């Protein structure tokens, strides 16, 4: 999906950003991850390739970390931000999880040859490569919004009040 216009996330309140991330991005990323996981499992059964086997392992690790992050955000972080926007919180643990997810994404990128398809790859592996690239872009977009806009809103609440 292409953005037809650029969204100015600075105009969003912390509540609106939380809702936007959870409603628009989190549900779609989890659905995409479940689809990719199923695709990778089927690909692993059909194609005997070291790349596919390792991709399965790394992807399961990514899936676990992303799902845990989104669950923590939905259950703990976002409700806290909505109810206590003026209370500063330590974001370092969340940033560490973001770093871990970014590292796993880099491992997948390296494994998939920087998402440049190889002539010897099967069509199914090429499709998987495209799906993993699109997923990486979605996850990176969420991390970007959180770190560059949401964190600013919650650590400087007075400058954004009406």
C-alpha atoms as a PDB file:
ATOM      1  CA  UNK A   1       0.000   0.000   0.000  1.00  0.00           C
ATOM      2  CA  UNK A   2       1.348   3.398  -0.955  1.00  0.00           C
ATOM      3  CA  UNK A   3       0.789   6.546   1.038  1.00  0.00           C
ATOM      4  CA  UNK A   4      -1.078   9.048  -1.065  1.00  0.00           C
ATOM      5  CA  UNK A   5      -0.086  11.850   1.267  1.00  0.00           C
ATOM      6  CA  UNK A   6       2.303  12.343   4.118  1.00  0.00           C
ATOM      7  CA  UNK A   7       0.876  12.216   7.622  1.00  0.00           C
ATOM      8  CA  UNK A   8       2.222  14.793  10.056  1.00  0.00           C
ATOM      9  CA  UNK A   9       2.505  12.702  13.222  1.00  0.00           C
ATOM     10  CA  UNK A  10       3.428  15.843  15.180  1.00  0.00           C
ATOM     11  CA  UNK A  11      -0.241  16.826  14.986  1.00  0.00           C
ATOM     12  CA  UNK A  12      -1.306  13.615  16.786  1.00  0.00           C
ATOM     13  CA  UNK A  13      -1.793  13.483  20.550  1.00  0.00           C
ATOM     14  CA  UNK A  14      -0.249  10.605  22.494  1.00  0.00           C
ATOM     15  CA  UNK A  15      -3.711   8.976  22.676  1.00  0.00           C
ATOM     16  CA  UNK A  16      -4.199   9.286  18.937  1.00  0.00           C
ATOM     17  CA  UNK A  17      -0.764   7.842  18.200  1.00  0.00           C
ATOM     18  CA  UNK A  18      -1.395   4.884  20.512  1.00  0.00           C
ATOM     19  CA  UNK A  19      -4.750   4.208  18.857  1.00  0.00           C
ATOM     20  CA  UNK A  20      -3.290   4.626  15.364  1.00  0.00           C
ATOM     21  CA  UNK A  21      -0.409   2.252  16.036  1.00  0.00           C
ATOM     22  CA  UNK A  22      -2.556  -0.366  17.695  1.00  0.00           C
ATOM     23  CA  UNK A  23      -5.561  -0.189  15.384  1.00  0.00           C
ATOM     24  CA  UNK A  24      -3.876   0.374  12.031  1.00  0.00           C
ATOM     25  CA  UNK A  25      -0.433  -1.168  12.301  1.00  0.00           C
ATOM     26  CA  UNK A  26      -0.300  -3.778  15.058  1.00  0.00           C
ATOM     27  CA  UNK A  27      -3.248  -5.826  13.825  1.00  0.00           C
ATOM     28  CA  UNK A  28      -1.968  -5.764  10.226  1.00  0.00           C
ATOM     29  CA  UNK A  29       1.601  -6.691  11.173  1.00  0.00           C
ATOM     30  CA  UNK A  30       0.457  -9.624  13.317  1.00  0.00           C
ATOM     31  CA  UNK A  31      -1.814 -10.853  10.516  1.00  0.00           C
ATOM     32  CA  UNK A  32       1.047 -10.520   8.012  1.00  0.00           C
ATOM     33  CA  UNK A  33       3.414 -12.360  10.354  1.00  0.00           C
ATOM     34  CA  UNK A  34       0.983 -15.238  10.805  1.00  0.00           C
ATOM     35  CA  UNK A  35       0.606 -15.500   7.030  1.00  0.00           C
ATOM     36  CA  UNK A  36       4.382 -15.426   6.481  1.00  0.00           C
ATOM     37  CA  UNK A  37       4.930 -17.976   9.235  1.00  0.00           C
ATOM     38  CA  UNK A  38       2.503 -20.349   7.558  1.00  0.00           C
ATOM     39  CA  UNK A  39       4.115 -19.702   4.181  1.00  0.00           C
ATOM     40  CA  UNK A  40       7.603 -20.381   5.588  1.00  0.00           C
ATOM     41  CA  UNK A  41       6.461 -23.621   7.225  1.00  0.00           C
ATOM     42  CA  UNK A  42       4.982 -24.848   3.940  1.00  0.00           C
ATOM     43  CA  UNK A  43       8.076 -23.731   2.046  1.00  0.00           C
ATOM     44  CA  UNK A  44      10.266 -25.618   4.504  1.00  0.00           C
ATOM     45  CA  UNK A  45       8.302 -28.823   3.821  1.00  0.00           C
ATOM     46  CA  UNK A  46       8.516 -28.432   0.033  1.00  0.00           C
ATOM     47  CA  UNK A  47      11.991 -26.994  -0.427  1.00  0.00           C
ATOM     48  CA  UNK A  48      15.083 -28.421   1.193  1.00  0.00           C
ATOM     49  CA  UNK A  49      17.215 -25.324   1.550  1.00  0.00           C
ATOM     50  CA  UNK A  50      19.443 -24.074   4.316  1.00  0.00           C
ATOM     51  CA  UNK A  51      18.192 -20.543   3.692  1.00  0.00           C
ATOM     52  CA  UNK A  52      14.597 -21.608   4.286  1.00  0.00           C
ATOM     53  CA  UNK A  53      15.463 -23.559   7.433  1.00  0.00           C
ATOM     54  CA  UNK A  54      17.440 -20.701   8.969  1.00  0.00           C
ATOM     55  CA  UNK A  55      14.814 -18.149   7.850  1.00  0.00           C
ATOM     56  CA  UNK A  56      12.210 -20.205   9.709  1.00  0.00           C
ATOM     57  CA  UNK A  57      14.232 -20.101  12.916  1.00  0.00           C
ATOM     58  CA  UNK A  58      15.029 -16.389  12.686  1.00  0.00           C
ATOM     59  CA  UNK A  59      11.459 -15.552  11.697  1.00  0.00           C
ATOM     60  CA  UNK A  60      10.025 -17.445  14.699  1.00  0.00           C
ATOM     61  CA  UNK A  61      12.334 -15.400  16.930  1.00  0.00           C
ATOM     62  CA  UNK A  62      11.130 -12.188  15.258  1.00  0.00           C
ATOM     63  CA  UNK A  63       7.493 -13.234  15.561  1.00  0.00           C
ATOM     64  CA  UNK A  64       7.890 -13.923  19.278  1.00  0.00           C
ATOM     65  CA  UNK A  65       9.609 -10.599  19.985  1.00  0.00           C
ATOM     66  CA  UNK A  66       7.179  -8.496  17.939  1.00  0.00           C
ATOM     67  CA  UNK A  67       4.115 -10.206  19.396  1.00  0.00           C
ATOM     68  CA  UNK A  68       5.456  -9.702  22.941  1.00  0.00           C
ATOM     69  CA  UNK A  69       6.213  -6.036  22.232  1.00  0.00           C
ATOM     70  CA  UNK A  70       2.765  -5.387  20.802  1.00  0.00           C
ATOM     71  CA  UNK A  71       1.106  -7.200  23.706  1.00  0.00           C
ATOM     72  CA  UNK A  72       3.088  -5.196  26.271  1.00  0.00           C
ATOM     73  CA  UNK A  73       2.249  -1.984  24.439  1.00  0.00           C
ATOM     74  CA  UNK A  74      -1.458  -2.837  24.273  1.00  0.00           C
ATOM     75  CA  UNK A  75      -1.803  -4.092  27.833  1.00  0.00           C
ATOM     76  CA  UNK A  76       0.689  -1.944  29.745  1.00  0.00           C
ATOM     77  CA  UNK A  77       2.259   0.979  27.905  1.00  0.00           C
ATOM     78  CA  UNK A  78      -0.619   2.451  25.911  1.00  0.00           C
ATOM     79  CA  UNK A  79      -3.189   2.340  28.748  1.00  0.00           C
ATOM     80  CA  UNK A  80      -0.610   3.948  31.057  1.00  0.00           C
ATOM     81  CA  UNK A  81       0.073   6.700  28.503  1.00  0.00           C
ATOM     82  CA  UNK A  82      -3.619   7.361  27.967  1.00  0.00           C
ATOM     83  CA  UNK A  83      -4.289   7.660  31.696  1.00  0.00           C
ATOM     84  CA  UNK A  84      -1.039   9.262  32.926  1.00  0.00           C
ATOM     85  CA  UNK A  85       0.345  11.320  30.056  1.00  0.00           C
ATOM     86  CA  UNK A  86       1.968  13.795  32.460  1.00  0.00           C
ATOM     87  CA  UNK A  87       3.925  11.094  34.324  1.00  0.00           C
ATOM     88  CA  UNK A  88       7.357  10.523  32.801  1.00  0.00           C
ATOM     89  CA  UNK A  89       8.316   6.898  32.338  1.00  0.00           C
ATOM     90  CA  UNK A  90      11.565   5.091  31.647  1.00  0.00           C
ATOM     91  CA  UNK A  91      11.485   4.051  28.001  1.00  0.00           C
ATOM     92  CA  UNK A  92      14.845   2.280  28.044  1.00  0.00           C
ATOM     93  CA  UNK A  93      13.345  -1.252  28.393  1.00  0.00           C
ATOM     94  CA  UNK A  94      11.079  -0.620  25.405  1.00  0.00           C
ATOM     95  CA  UNK A  95      13.968   0.813  23.391  1.00  0.00           C
ATOM     96  CA  UNK A  96      15.998  -2.315  24.191  1.00  0.00           C
ATOM     97  CA  UNK A  97      13.212  -4.463  22.758  1.00  0.00           C
ATOM     98  CA  UNK A  98      13.124  -2.206  19.684  1.00  0.00           C
ATOM     99  CA  UNK A  99      16.875  -2.753  19.314  1.00  0.00           C
ATOM    100  CA  UNK A 100      16.488  -6.502  19.613  1.00  0.00           C
ATOM    101  CA  UNK A 101      13.780  -6.508  16.933  1.00  0.00           C
ATOM    102  CA  UNK A 102      15.951  -4.351  14.660  1.00  0.00           C
ATOM    103  CA  UNK A 103      18.842  -6.788  15.117  1.00  0.00           C
ATOM    104  CA  UNK A 104      16.635  -9.743  14.162  1.00  0.00           C
ATOM    105  CA  UNK A 105      15.375  -7.828  11.121  1.00  0.00           C
ATOM    106  CA  UNK A 106      19.002  -7.240  10.095  1.00  0.00           C
ATOM    107  CA  UNK A 107      19.694 -10.969  10.456  1.00  0.00           C
ATOM    108  CA  UNK A 108      16.754 -11.759   8.174  1.00  0.00           C
ATOM    109  CA  UNK A 109      17.883  -9.113   5.692  1.00  0.00           C
ATOM    110  CA  UNK A 110      21.386 -10.618   5.598  1.00  0.00           C
ATOM    111  CA  UNK A 111      20.001 -14.119   5.230  1.00  0.00           C
ATOM    112  CA  UNK A 112      17.752 -13.029   2.355  1.00  0.00           C
ATOM    113  CA  UNK A 113      20.667 -11.388   0.491  1.00  0.00           C
ATOM    114  CA  UNK A 114      19.538  -7.845   1.324  1.00  0.00           C
ATOM    115  CA  UNK A 115      16.205  -8.786  -0.289  1.00  0.00           C
ATOM    116  CA  UNK A 116      17.835  -9.062  -3.692  1.00  0.00           C
ATOM    117  CA  UNK A 117      16.421 -12.210  -5.251  1.00  0.00           C
ATOM    118  CA  UNK A 118      18.831 -14.744  -6.679  1.00  0.00           C
ATOM    119  CA  UNK A 119      18.306 -16.511 -10.025  1.00  0.00           C
ATOM    120  CA  UNK A 120      18.576 -19.934  -8.371  1.00  0.00           C
ATOM    121  CA  UNK A 121      15.770 -19.254  -5.921  1.00  0.00           C
ATOM    122  CA  UNK A 122      12.400 -20.875  -6.463  1.00  0.00           C
ATOM    123  CA  UNK A 123       9.415 -18.666  -7.189  1.00  0.00           C
ATOM    124  CA  UNK A 124       8.072 -19.467  -3.715  1.00  0.00           C
ATOM    125  CA  UNK A 125      11.291 -18.277  -2.089  1.00  0.00           C
ATOM    126  CA  UNK A 126      11.164 -15.104  -4.186  1.00  0.00           C
ATOM    127  CA  UNK A 127       7.610 -14.459  -2.966  1.00  0.00           C
ATOM    128  CA  UNK A 128       8.745 -15.087   0.610  1.00  0.00           C
ATOM    129  CA  UNK A 129      11.590 -12.620   0.111  1.00  0.00           C
ATOM    130  CA  UNK A 130       9.120  -9.930  -1.011  1.00  0.00           C
ATOM    131  CA  UNK A 131       6.818 -10.628   1.925  1.00  0.00           C
ATOM    132  CA  UNK A 132       9.673 -10.412   4.419  1.00  0.00           C
ATOM    133  CA  UNK A 133      10.816  -7.118   2.924  1.00  0.00           C
ATOM    134  CA  UNK A 134       7.317  -5.624   3.180  1.00  0.00           C
ATOM    135  CA  UNK A 135       7.063  -6.843   6.781  1.00  0.00           C
ATOM    136  CA  UNK A 136      10.406  -5.276   7.658  1.00  0.00           C
ATOM    137  CA  UNK A 137       9.233  -1.948   6.251  1.00  0.00           C
ATOM    138  CA  UNK A 138       6.016  -2.087   8.307  1.00  0.00           C
ATOM    139  CA  UNK A 139       7.830  -2.921  11.546  1.00  0.00           C
ATOM    140  CA  UNK A 140      10.460  -0.234  10.957  1.00  0.00           C
ATOM    141  CA  UNK A 141       7.683   2.291  10.328  1.00  0.00           C
ATOM    142  CA  UNK A 142       6.064   1.460  13.686  1.00  0.00           C
ATOM    143  CA  UNK A 143       9.383   1.753  15.526  1.00  0.00           C
ATOM    144  CA  UNK A 144      10.027   5.071  13.782  1.00  0.00           C
ATOM    145  CA  UNK A 145       6.651   6.502  14.829  1.00  0.00           C
ATOM    146  CA  UNK A 146       7.089   5.344  18.423  1.00  0.00           C
ATOM    147  CA  UNK A 147      10.659   6.558  18.846  1.00  0.00           C
ATOM    148  CA  UNK A 148      10.364   9.847  16.956  1.00  0.00           C
ATOM    149  CA  UNK A 149       6.848  10.995  17.750  1.00  0.00           C
ATOM    150  CA  UNK A 150       5.229   9.068  20.608  1.00  0.00           C
ATOM    151  CA  UNK A 151       8.274   9.264  22.881  1.00  0.00           C
ATOM    152  CA  UNK A 152       8.455  13.012  22.259  1.00  0.00           C
ATOM    153  CA  UNK A 153       4.796  13.420  23.213  1.00  0.00           C
ATOM    154  CA  UNK A 154       5.084  11.525  26.471  1.00  0.00           C
ATOM    155  CA  UNK A 155       8.380  13.018  27.602  1.00  0.00           C
ATOM    156  CA  UNK A 156       7.317  16.595  26.847  1.00  0.00           C
ATOM    157  CA  UNK A 157       3.589  16.550  27.685  1.00  0.00           C
ATOM    158  CA  UNK A 158       3.325  20.235  28.664  1.00  0.00           C
ATOM    159  CA  UNK A 159       4.334  21.441  25.198  1.00  0.00           C
ATOM    160  CA  UNK A 160       1.465  19.511  23.591  1.00  0.00           C
ATOM    161  CA  UNK A 161      -1.434  20.376  25.860  1.00  0.00           C
ATOM    162  CA  UNK A 162      -4.241  22.621  24.640  1.00  0.00           C
END
